[in-house]
Amino acid sequence: MPRFGIRLPSIWIRLRAVPAPRSRAKEPLSARERSVLQLVAEGNSNKKIASILNLSAKTVETHRLTVHRKLELRTTADLVRYAIRNKLIEA
């Protein structure tokens, strides 16, 4: 019977090596959506982004969801990877 403590690191390495999903944006992001994406990728909350951009938190959430839809990304981690790869933020 294999010991999980020994197999787990090799599984973890293989999982980390899987490339992030490529975006196939059919629509370009608006300037506001790019701003929200950059601020999300920098680790800001919706409330903080709303304060920075003088918007309501609901409007920020709407922009964030639109970015997810347009870029066909699911998670915040996917957004961060996209922002780094496209030089919207520095790693």
PDB file of N, CA and C in Angstrom:
ATOM      1  N   MET A   1       0.854  -1.183   0.000  1.00  0.00           N
ATOM      2  CA  MET A   1       0.000   0.000   0.000  1.00  0.00           C
ATOM      3  C   MET A   1       0.901   1.248   0.000  1.00  0.00           C
ATOM      4  N   PRO A   2       0.689   2.180  -0.939  1.00  0.00           N
ATOM      5  CA  PRO A   2       1.547   3.373  -0.986  1.00  0.00           C
ATOM      6  C   PRO A   2       1.309   4.286   0.203  1.00  0.00           C
ATOM      7  N   ARG A   3       2.357   4.955   0.612  1.00  0.00           N
ATOM      8  CA  ARG A   3       2.258   5.900   1.716  1.00  0.00           C
ATOM      9  C   ARG A   3       1.965   7.274   1.125  1.00  0.00           C
ATOM     10  N   PHE A   4       0.899   7.922   1.603  1.00  0.00           N
ATOM     11  CA  PHE A   4       0.490   9.204   1.060  1.00  0.00           C
ATOM     12  C   PHE A   4       1.520  10.290   1.286  1.00  0.00           C
ATOM     13  N   GLY A   5       2.251  10.218   2.391  1.00  0.00           N
ATOM     14  CA  GLY A   5       3.269  11.219   2.677  1.00  0.00           C
ATOM     15  C   GLY A   5       4.364  11.243   1.622  1.00  0.00           C
ATOM     16  N   ILE A   6       4.601  10.118   0.999  1.00  0.00           N
ATOM     17  CA  ILE A   6       5.635  10.030  -0.030  1.00  0.00           C
ATOM     18  C   ILE A   6       5.067  10.429  -1.395  1.00  0.00           C
ATOM     19  N   ARG A   7       3.868  10.017  -1.707  1.00  0.00           N
ATOM     20  CA  ARG A   7       3.281  10.300  -3.022  1.00  0.00           C
ATOM     21  C   ARG A   7       2.772  11.727  -3.147  1.00  0.00           C
ATOM     22  N   LEU A   8       2.335  12.317  -2.069  1.00  0.00           N
ATOM     23  CA  LEU A   8       1.706  13.632  -2.123  1.00  0.00           C
ATOM     24  C   LEU A   8       2.589  14.692  -2.775  1.00  0.00           C
ATOM     25  N   PRO A   9       3.876  14.808  -2.434  1.00  0.00           N
ATOM     26  CA  PRO A   9       4.683  15.849  -3.089  1.00  0.00           C
ATOM     27  C   PRO A   9       4.752  15.692  -4.599  1.00  0.00           C
ATOM     28  N   SER A  10       4.860  14.470  -5.120  1.00  0.00           N
ATOM     29  CA  SER A  10       4.926  14.290  -6.570  1.00  0.00           C
ATOM     30  C   SER A  10       3.595  14.666  -7.224  1.00  0.00           C
ATOM     31  N   ILE A  11       2.487  14.373  -6.568  1.00  0.00           N
ATOM     32  CA  ILE A  11       1.178  14.780  -7.083  1.00  0.00           C
ATOM     33  C   ILE A  11       1.085  16.294  -7.071  1.00  0.00           C
ATOM     34  N   TRP A  12       1.533  16.919  -5.984  1.00  0.00           N
ATOM     35  CA  TRP A  12       1.488  18.379  -5.876  1.00  0.00           C
ATOM     36  C   TRP A  12       2.304  19.023  -6.988  1.00  0.00           C
ATOM     37  N   ILE A  13       3.473  18.492  -7.270  1.00  0.00           N
ATOM     38  CA  ILE A  13       4.319  19.048  -8.329  1.00  0.00           C
ATOM     39  C   ILE A  13       3.612  18.933  -9.671  1.00  0.00           C
ATOM     40  N   ARG A  14       2.992  17.805  -9.923  1.00  0.00           N
ATOM     41  CA  ARG A  14       2.283  17.648 -11.192  1.00  0.00           C
ATOM     42  C   ARG A  14       1.101  18.603 -11.300  1.00  0.00           C
ATOM     43  N   LEU A  15       0.371  18.801 -10.218  1.00  0.00           N
ATOM     44  CA  LEU A  15      -0.767  19.712 -10.255  1.00  0.00           C
ATOM     45  C   LEU A  15      -0.318  21.149 -10.497  1.00  0.00           C
ATOM     46  N   ARG A  16       0.786  21.548  -9.877  1.00  0.00           N
ATOM     47  CA  ARG A  16       1.284  22.910 -10.043  1.00  0.00           C
ATOM     48  C   ARG A  16       1.808  23.136 -11.454  1.00  0.00           C
ATOM     49  N   ALA A  17       2.235  22.083 -12.135  1.00  0.00           N
ATOM     50  CA  ALA A  17       2.800  22.222 -13.468  1.00  0.00           C
ATOM     51  C   ALA A  17       1.736  22.408 -14.543  1.00  0.00           C
ATOM     52  N   VAL A  18       0.471  22.180 -14.213  1.00  0.00           N
ATOM     53  CA  VAL A  18      -0.606  22.342 -15.189  1.00  0.00           C
ATOM     54  C   VAL A  18      -0.747  23.822 -15.527  1.00  0.00           C
ATOM     55  N   PRO A  19      -0.680  24.181 -16.808  1.00  0.00           N
ATOM     56  CA  PRO A  19      -0.778  25.599 -17.160  1.00  0.00           C
ATOM     57  C   PRO A  19      -2.161  26.158 -16.875  1.00  0.00           C
ATOM     58  N   ALA A  20      -2.193  27.444 -16.572  1.00  0.00           N
ATOM     59  CA  ALA A  20      -3.467  28.122 -16.335  1.00  0.00           C
ATOM     60  C   ALA A  20      -4.247  28.172 -17.637  1.00  0.00           C
ATOM     61  N   PRO A  21      -5.571  28.235 -17.553  1.00  0.00           N
ATOM     62  CA  PRO A  21      -6.364  28.294 -18.782  1.00  0.00           C
ATOM     63  C   PRO A  21      -6.057  29.554 -19.570  1.00  0.00           C
ATOM     64  N   ARG A  22      -5.905  29.394 -20.863  1.00  0.00           N
ATOM     65  CA  ARG A  22      -5.671  30.531 -21.747  1.00  0.00           C
ATOM     66  C   ARG A  22      -6.985  31.273 -21.956  1.00  0.00           C
ATOM     67  N   SER A  23      -6.907  32.580 -21.969  1.00  0.00           N
ATOM     68  CA  SER A  23      -8.125  33.352 -22.187  1.00  0.00           C
ATOM     69  C   SER A  23      -8.358  33.500 -23.682  1.00  0.00           C
ATOM     70  N   ARG A  24      -9.602  33.483 -24.046  1.00  0.00           N
ATOM     71  CA  ARG A  24      -9.987  33.687 -25.438  1.00  0.00           C
ATOM     72  C   ARG A  24     -11.004  34.826 -25.464  1.00  0.00           C
ATOM     73  N   ALA A  25     -10.541  35.984 -25.065  1.00  0.00           N
ATOM     74  CA  ALA A  25     -11.443  37.131 -24.952  1.00  0.00           C
ATOM     75  C   ALA A  25     -12.020  37.472 -26.325  1.00  0.00           C
ATOM     76  N   LYS A  26     -13.327  37.446 -26.404  1.00  0.00           N
ATOM     77  CA  LYS A  26     -14.008  37.804 -27.644  1.00  0.00           C
ATOM     78  C   LYS A  26     -14.276  39.299 -27.687  1.00  0.00           C
ATOM     79  N   GLU A  27     -14.371  39.898 -26.514  1.00  0.00           N
ATOM     80  CA  GLU A  27     -14.596  41.338 -26.407  1.00  0.00           C
ATOM     81  C   GLU A  27     -13.431  41.947 -25.642  1.00  0.00           C
ATOM     82  N   PRO A  28     -12.929  43.085 -26.090  1.00  0.00           N
ATOM     83  CA  PRO A  28     -11.855  43.725 -25.322  1.00  0.00           C
ATOM     84  C   PRO A  28     -12.391  44.304 -24.017  1.00  0.00           C
ATOM     85  N   LEU A  29     -11.507  44.397 -23.036  1.00  0.00           N
ATOM     86  CA  LEU A  29     -11.893  44.990 -21.759  1.00  0.00           C
ATOM     87  C   LEU A  29     -11.940  46.512 -21.898  1.00  0.00           C
ATOM     88  N   SER A  30     -12.906  47.117 -21.232  1.00  0.00           N
ATOM     89  CA  SER A  30     -12.966  48.579 -21.189  1.00  0.00           C
ATOM     90  C   SER A  30     -11.865  49.077 -20.252  1.00  0.00           C
ATOM     91  N   ALA A  31     -11.594  50.369 -20.296  1.00  0.00           N
ATOM     92  CA  ALA A  31     -10.581  50.949 -19.415  1.00  0.00           C
ATOM     93  C   ALA A  31     -10.953  50.728 -17.954  1.00  0.00           C
ATOM     94  N   ARG A  32     -12.217  50.866 -17.619  1.00  0.00           N
ATOM     95  CA  ARG A  32     -12.673  50.672 -16.239  1.00  0.00           C
ATOM     96  C   ARG A  32     -12.499  49.217 -15.819  1.00  0.00           C
ATOM     97  N   GLU A  33     -12.810  48.286 -16.712  1.00  0.00           N
ATOM     98  CA  GLU A  33     -12.642  46.863 -16.398  1.00  0.00           C
ATOM     99  C   GLU A  33     -11.170  46.529 -16.185  1.00  0.00           C
ATOM    100  N   ARG A  34     -10.285  47.113 -17.001  1.00  0.00           N
ATOM    101  CA  ARG A  34      -8.851  46.909 -16.803  1.00  0.00           C
ATOM    102  C   ARG A  34      -8.399  47.460 -15.454  1.00  0.00           C
ATOM    103  N   SER A  35      -8.936  48.621 -15.071  1.00  0.00           N
ATOM    104  CA  SER A  35      -8.594  49.207 -13.766  1.00  0.00           C
ATOM    105  C   SER A  35      -9.029  48.290 -12.629  1.00  0.00           C
ATOM    106  N   VAL A  36     -10.248  47.796 -12.720  1.00  0.00           N
ATOM    107  CA  VAL A  36     -10.756  46.889 -11.685  1.00  0.00           C
ATOM    108  C   VAL A  36      -9.920  45.615 -11.655  1.00  0.00           C
ATOM    109  N   LEU A  37      -9.608  45.054 -12.820  1.00  0.00           N
ATOM    110  CA  LEU A  37      -8.784  43.848 -12.889  1.00  0.00           C
ATOM    111  C   LEU A  37      -7.431  44.083 -12.221  1.00  0.00           C
ATOM    112  N   GLN A  38      -6.797  45.197 -12.523  1.00  0.00           N
ATOM    113  CA  GLN A  38      -5.495  45.500 -11.935  1.00  0.00           C
ATOM    114  C   GLN A  38      -5.594  45.604 -10.417  1.00  0.00           C
ATOM    115  N   LEU A  39      -6.599  46.303  -9.926  1.00  0.00           N
ATOM    116  CA  LEU A  39      -6.753  46.470  -8.483  1.00  0.00           C
ATOM    117  C   LEU A  39      -7.101  45.155  -7.782  1.00  0.00           C
ATOM    118  N   VAL A  40      -7.905  44.315  -8.423  1.00  0.00           N
ATOM    119  CA  VAL A  40      -8.208  42.985  -7.868  1.00  0.00           C
ATOM    120  C   VAL A  40      -6.922  42.168  -7.793  1.00  0.00           C
ATOM    121  N   ALA A  41      -6.153  42.187  -8.880  1.00  0.00           N
ATOM    122  CA  ALA A  41      -4.918  41.410  -8.933  1.00  0.00           C
ATOM    123  C   ALA A  41      -3.899  41.882  -7.897  1.00  0.00           C
ATOM    124  N   GLU A  42      -3.979  43.149  -7.520  1.00  0.00           N
ATOM    125  CA  GLU A  42      -3.085  43.675  -6.490  1.00  0.00           C
ATOM    126  C   GLU A  42      -3.547  43.315  -5.087  1.00  0.00           C
ATOM    127  N   GLY A  43      -4.710  42.650  -4.975  1.00  0.00           N
ATOM    128  CA  GLY A  43      -5.171  42.149  -3.685  1.00  0.00           C
ATOM    129  C   GLY A  43      -6.193  43.023  -2.983  1.00  0.00           C
ATOM    130  N   ASN A  44      -6.742  44.010  -3.667  1.00  0.00           N
ATOM    131  CA  ASN A  44      -7.732  44.898  -3.050  1.00  0.00           C
ATOM    132  C   ASN A  44      -9.113  44.255  -3.017  1.00  0.00           C
ATOM    133  N   SER A  45      -9.873  44.563  -1.990  1.00  0.00           N
ATOM    134  CA  SER A  45     -11.246  44.069  -1.876  1.00  0.00           C
ATOM    135  C   SER A  45     -12.157  44.939  -2.752  1.00  0.00           C
ATOM    136  N   ASN A  46     -13.360  44.452  -2.999  1.00  0.00           N
ATOM    137  CA  ASN A  46     -14.322  45.234  -3.788  1.00  0.00           C
ATOM    138  C   ASN A  46     -14.611  46.579  -3.119  1.00  0.00           C
ATOM    139  N   LYS A  47     -14.716  46.556  -1.805  1.00  0.00           N
ATOM    140  CA  LYS A  47     -14.996  47.784  -1.066  1.00  0.00           C
ATOM    141  C   LYS A  47     -13.853  48.794  -1.220  1.00  0.00           C
ATOM    142  N   LYS A  48     -12.616  48.319  -1.135  1.00  0.00           N
ATOM    143  CA  LYS A  48     -11.446  49.190  -1.281  1.00  0.00           C
ATOM    144  C   LYS A  48     -11.358  49.735  -2.714  1.00  0.00           C
ATOM    145  N   ILE A  49     -11.619  48.883  -3.699  1.00  0.00           N
ATOM    146  CA  ILE A  49     -11.607  49.311  -5.102  1.00  0.00           C
ATOM    147  C   ILE A  49     -12.671  50.374  -5.323  1.00  0.00           C
ATOM    148  N   ALA A  50     -13.847  50.158  -4.751  1.00  0.00           N
ATOM    149  CA  ALA A  50     -14.936  51.137  -4.874  1.00  0.00           C
ATOM    150  C   ALA A  50     -14.504  52.482  -4.320  1.00  0.00           C
ATOM    151  N   SER A  51     -13.815  52.475  -3.207  1.00  0.00           N
ATOM    152  CA  SER A  51     -13.335  53.707  -2.604  1.00  0.00           C
ATOM    153  C   SER A  51     -12.291  54.393  -3.489  1.00  0.00           C
ATOM    154  N   ILE A  52     -11.370  53.620  -4.030  1.00  0.00           N
ATOM    155  CA  ILE A  52     -10.310  54.168  -4.889  1.00  0.00           C
ATOM    156  C   ILE A  52     -10.887  54.784  -6.159  1.00  0.00           C
ATOM    157  N   LEU A  53     -11.851  54.092  -6.770  1.00  0.00           N
ATOM    158  CA  LEU A  53     -12.394  54.525  -8.059  1.00  0.00           C
ATOM    159  C   LEU A  53     -13.656  55.385  -7.942  1.00  0.00           C
ATOM    160  N   ASN A  54     -14.072  55.676  -6.728  1.00  0.00           N
ATOM    161  CA  ASN A  54     -15.309  56.436  -6.508  1.00  0.00           C
ATOM    162  C   ASN A  54     -16.526  55.774  -7.147  1.00  0.00           C
ATOM    163  N   LEU A  55     -16.669  54.487  -6.886  1.00  0.00           N
ATOM    164  CA  LEU A  55     -17.800  53.707  -7.387  1.00  0.00           C
ATOM    165  C   LEU A  55     -18.463  53.012  -6.210  1.00  0.00           C
ATOM    166  N   SER A  56     -19.640  52.456  -6.459  1.00  0.00           N
ATOM    167  CA  SER A  56     -20.264  51.634  -5.424  1.00  0.00           C
ATOM    168  C   SER A  56     -19.636  50.234  -5.483  1.00  0.00           C
ATOM    169  N   ALA A  57     -19.707  49.524  -4.367  1.00  0.00           N
ATOM    170  CA  ALA A  57     -19.170  48.165  -4.316  1.00  0.00           C
ATOM    171  C   ALA A  57     -19.900  47.262  -5.307  1.00  0.00           C
ATOM    172  N   LYS A  58     -21.180  47.494  -5.492  1.00  0.00           N
ATOM    173  CA  LYS A  58     -21.968  46.697  -6.448  1.00  0.00           C
ATOM    174  C   LYS A  58     -21.473  46.915  -7.881  1.00  0.00           C
ATOM    175  N   THR A  59     -21.140  48.163  -8.231  1.00  0.00           N
ATOM    176  CA  THR A  59     -20.616  48.449  -9.569  1.00  0.00           C
ATOM    177  C   THR A  59     -19.279  47.745  -9.771  1.00  0.00           C
ATOM    178  N   VAL A  60     -18.434  47.753  -8.751  1.00  0.00           N
ATOM    179  CA  VAL A  60     -17.147  47.051  -8.839  1.00  0.00           C
ATOM    180  C   VAL A  60     -17.391  45.562  -9.049  1.00  0.00           C
ATOM    181  N   GLU A  61     -18.325  44.994  -8.302  1.00  0.00           N
ATOM    182  CA  GLU A  61     -18.645  43.572  -8.461  1.00  0.00           C
ATOM    183  C   GLU A  61     -19.134  43.276  -9.878  1.00  0.00           C
ATOM    184  N   THR A  62     -19.943  44.159 -10.429  1.00  0.00           N
ATOM    185  CA  THR A  62     -20.431  43.978 -11.804  1.00  0.00           C
ATOM    186  C   THR A  62     -19.276  44.008 -12.793  1.00  0.00           C
ATOM    187  N   HIS A  63     -18.357  44.958 -12.645  1.00  0.00           N
ATOM    188  CA  HIS A  63     -17.182  45.026 -13.529  1.00  0.00           C
ATOM    189  C   HIS A  63     -16.334  43.763 -13.385  1.00  0.00           C
ATOM    190  N   ARG A  64     -16.181  43.321 -12.157  1.00  0.00           N
ATOM    191  CA  ARG A  64     -15.385  42.121 -11.901  1.00  0.00           C
ATOM    192  C   ARG A  64     -16.006  40.896 -12.578  1.00  0.00           C
ATOM    193  N   LEU A  65     -17.302  40.745 -12.459  1.00  0.00           N
ATOM    194  CA  LEU A  65     -17.991  39.624 -13.108  1.00  0.00           C
ATOM    195  C   LEU A  65     -17.897  39.719 -14.630  1.00  0.00           C
ATOM    196  N   THR A  66     -17.962  40.920 -15.157  1.00  0.00           N
ATOM    197  CA  THR A  66     -17.834  41.121 -16.602  1.00  0.00           C
ATOM    198  C   THR A  66     -16.435  40.716 -17.080  1.00  0.00           C
ATOM    199  N   VAL A  67     -15.423  41.063 -16.289  1.00  0.00           N
ATOM    200  CA  VAL A  67     -14.049  40.664 -16.625  1.00  0.00           C
ATOM    201  C   VAL A  67     -13.944  39.140 -16.635  1.00  0.00           C
ATOM    202  N   HIS A  68     -14.485  38.485 -15.608  1.00  0.00           N
ATOM    203  CA  HIS A  68     -14.485  37.017 -15.565  1.00  0.00           C
ATOM    204  C   HIS A  68     -15.137  36.451 -16.826  1.00  0.00           C
ATOM    205  N   ARG A  69     -16.278  36.997 -17.203  1.00  0.00           N
ATOM    206  CA  ARG A  69     -17.011  36.488 -18.369  1.00  0.00           C
ATOM    207  C   ARG A  69     -16.228  36.718 -19.653  1.00  0.00           C
ATOM    208  N   LYS A  70     -15.742  37.937 -19.863  1.00  0.00           N
ATOM    209  CA  LYS A  70     -15.039  38.263 -21.103  1.00  0.00           C
ATOM    210  C   LYS A  70     -13.748  37.458 -21.282  1.00  0.00           C
ATOM    211  N   LEU A  71     -13.033  37.235 -20.203  1.00  0.00           N
ATOM    212  CA  LEU A  71     -11.763  36.520 -20.281  1.00  0.00           C
ATOM    213  C   LEU A  71     -11.920  35.022 -20.090  1.00  0.00           C
ATOM    214  N   GLU A  72     -13.153  34.597 -19.794  1.00  0.00           N
ATOM    215  CA  GLU A  72     -13.453  33.187 -19.563  1.00  0.00           C
ATOM    216  C   GLU A  72     -12.580  32.606 -18.455  1.00  0.00           C
ATOM    217  N   LEU A  73     -12.490  33.340 -17.355  1.00  0.00           N
ATOM    218  CA  LEU A  73     -11.732  32.917 -16.182  1.00  0.00           C
ATOM    219  C   LEU A  73     -12.698  32.706 -15.036  1.00  0.00           C
ATOM    220  N   ARG A  74     -12.375  31.780 -14.150  1.00  0.00           N
ATOM    221  CA  ARG A  74     -13.309  31.427 -13.080  1.00  0.00           C
ATOM    222  C   ARG A  74     -12.961  32.001 -11.722  1.00  0.00           C
ATOM    223  N   THR A  75     -11.694  32.012 -11.376  1.00  0.00           N
ATOM    224  CA  THR A  75     -11.322  32.367 -10.012  1.00  0.00           C
ATOM    225  C   THR A  75     -10.504  33.654  -9.963  1.00  0.00           C
ATOM    226  N   THR A  76     -10.363  34.177  -8.766  1.00  0.00           N
ATOM    227  CA  THR A  76      -9.517  35.348  -8.567  1.00  0.00           C
ATOM    228  C   THR A  76      -8.066  35.000  -8.890  1.00  0.00           C
ATOM    229  N   ALA A  77      -7.654  33.791  -8.562  1.00  0.00           N
ATOM    230  CA  ALA A  77      -6.290  33.359  -8.896  1.00  0.00           C
ATOM    231  C   ALA A  77      -6.070  33.396 -10.407  1.00  0.00           C
ATOM    232  N   ASP A  78      -7.078  32.995 -11.179  1.00  0.00           N
ATOM    233  CA  ASP A  78      -6.977  33.075 -12.639  1.00  0.00           C
ATOM    234  C   ASP A  78      -6.805  34.524 -13.090  1.00  0.00           C
ATOM    235  N   LEU A  79      -7.529  35.438 -12.444  1.00  0.00           N
ATOM    236  CA  LEU A  79      -7.398  36.859 -12.777  1.00  0.00           C
ATOM    237  C   LEU A  79      -5.988  37.365 -12.481  1.00  0.00           C
ATOM    238  N   VAL A  80      -5.447  36.945 -11.356  1.00  0.00           N
ATOM    239  CA  VAL A  80      -4.091  37.374 -10.991  1.00  0.00           C
ATOM    240  C   VAL A  80      -3.078  36.846 -12.002  1.00  0.00           C
ATOM    241  N   ARG A  81      -3.190  35.572 -12.365  1.00  0.00           N
ATOM    242  CA  ARG A  81      -2.282  35.005 -13.373  1.00  0.00           C
ATOM    243  C   ARG A  81      -2.395  35.755 -14.689  1.00  0.00           C
ATOM    244  N   TYR A  82      -3.616  36.063 -15.102  1.00  0.00           N
ATOM    245  CA  TYR A  82      -3.827  36.814 -16.339  1.00  0.00           C
ATOM    246  C   TYR A  82      -3.149  38.186 -16.251  1.00  0.00           C
ATOM    247  N   ALA A  83      -3.336  38.869 -15.134  1.00  0.00           N
ATOM    248  CA  ALA A  83      -2.761  40.209 -14.953  1.00  0.00           C
ATOM    249  C   ALA A  83      -1.238  40.166 -14.989  1.00  0.00           C
ATOM    250  N   ILE A  84      -0.640  39.156 -14.379  1.00  0.00           N
ATOM    251  CA  ILE A  84       0.822  39.025 -14.387  1.00  0.00           C
ATOM    252  C   ILE A  84       1.319  38.735 -15.795  1.00  0.00           C
ATOM    253  N   ARG A  85       0.689  37.791 -16.467  1.00  0.00           N
ATOM    254  CA  ARG A  85       1.122  37.409 -17.820  1.00  0.00           C
ATOM    255  C   ARG A  85       0.963  38.542 -18.822  1.00  0.00           C
ATOM    256  N   ASN A  86      -0.004  39.402 -18.592  1.00  0.00           N
ATOM    257  CA  ASN A  86      -0.243  40.502 -19.511  1.00  0.00           C
ATOM    258  C   ASN A  86       0.327  41.824 -18.999  1.00  0.00           C
ATOM    259  N   LYS A  87       1.198  41.703 -17.991  1.00  0.00           N
ATOM    260  CA  LYS A  87       1.944  42.843 -17.452  1.00  0.00           C
ATOM    261  C   LYS A  87       1.081  43.991 -16.934  1.00  0.00           C
ATOM    262  N   LEU A  88      -0.100  43.636 -16.385  1.00  0.00           N
ATOM    263  CA  LEU A  88      -0.932  44.633 -15.720  1.00  0.00           C
ATOM    264  C   LEU A  88      -0.414  44.886 -14.317  1.00  0.00           C
ATOM    265  N   ILE A  89       0.242  43.873 -13.739  1.00  0.00           N
ATOM    266  CA  ILE A  89       0.911  44.020 -12.445  1.00  0.00           C
ATOM    267  C   ILE A  89       2.238  43.294 -12.529  1.00  0.00           C
ATOM    268  N   GLU A  90       3.117  43.562 -11.568  1.00  0.00           N
ATOM    269  CA  GLU A  90       4.388  42.852 -11.489  1.00  0.00           C
ATOM    270  C   GLU A  90       4.277  41.762 -10.431  1.00  0.00           C
ATOM    271  N   ALA A  91       4.901  40.643 -10.717  1.00  0.00           N
ATOM    272  CA  ALA A  91       4.859  39.500  -9.776  1.00  0.00           C
ATOM    273  C   ALA A  91       5.773  39.741  -8.597  1.00  0.00           C
TER     274      ALA A  91
END
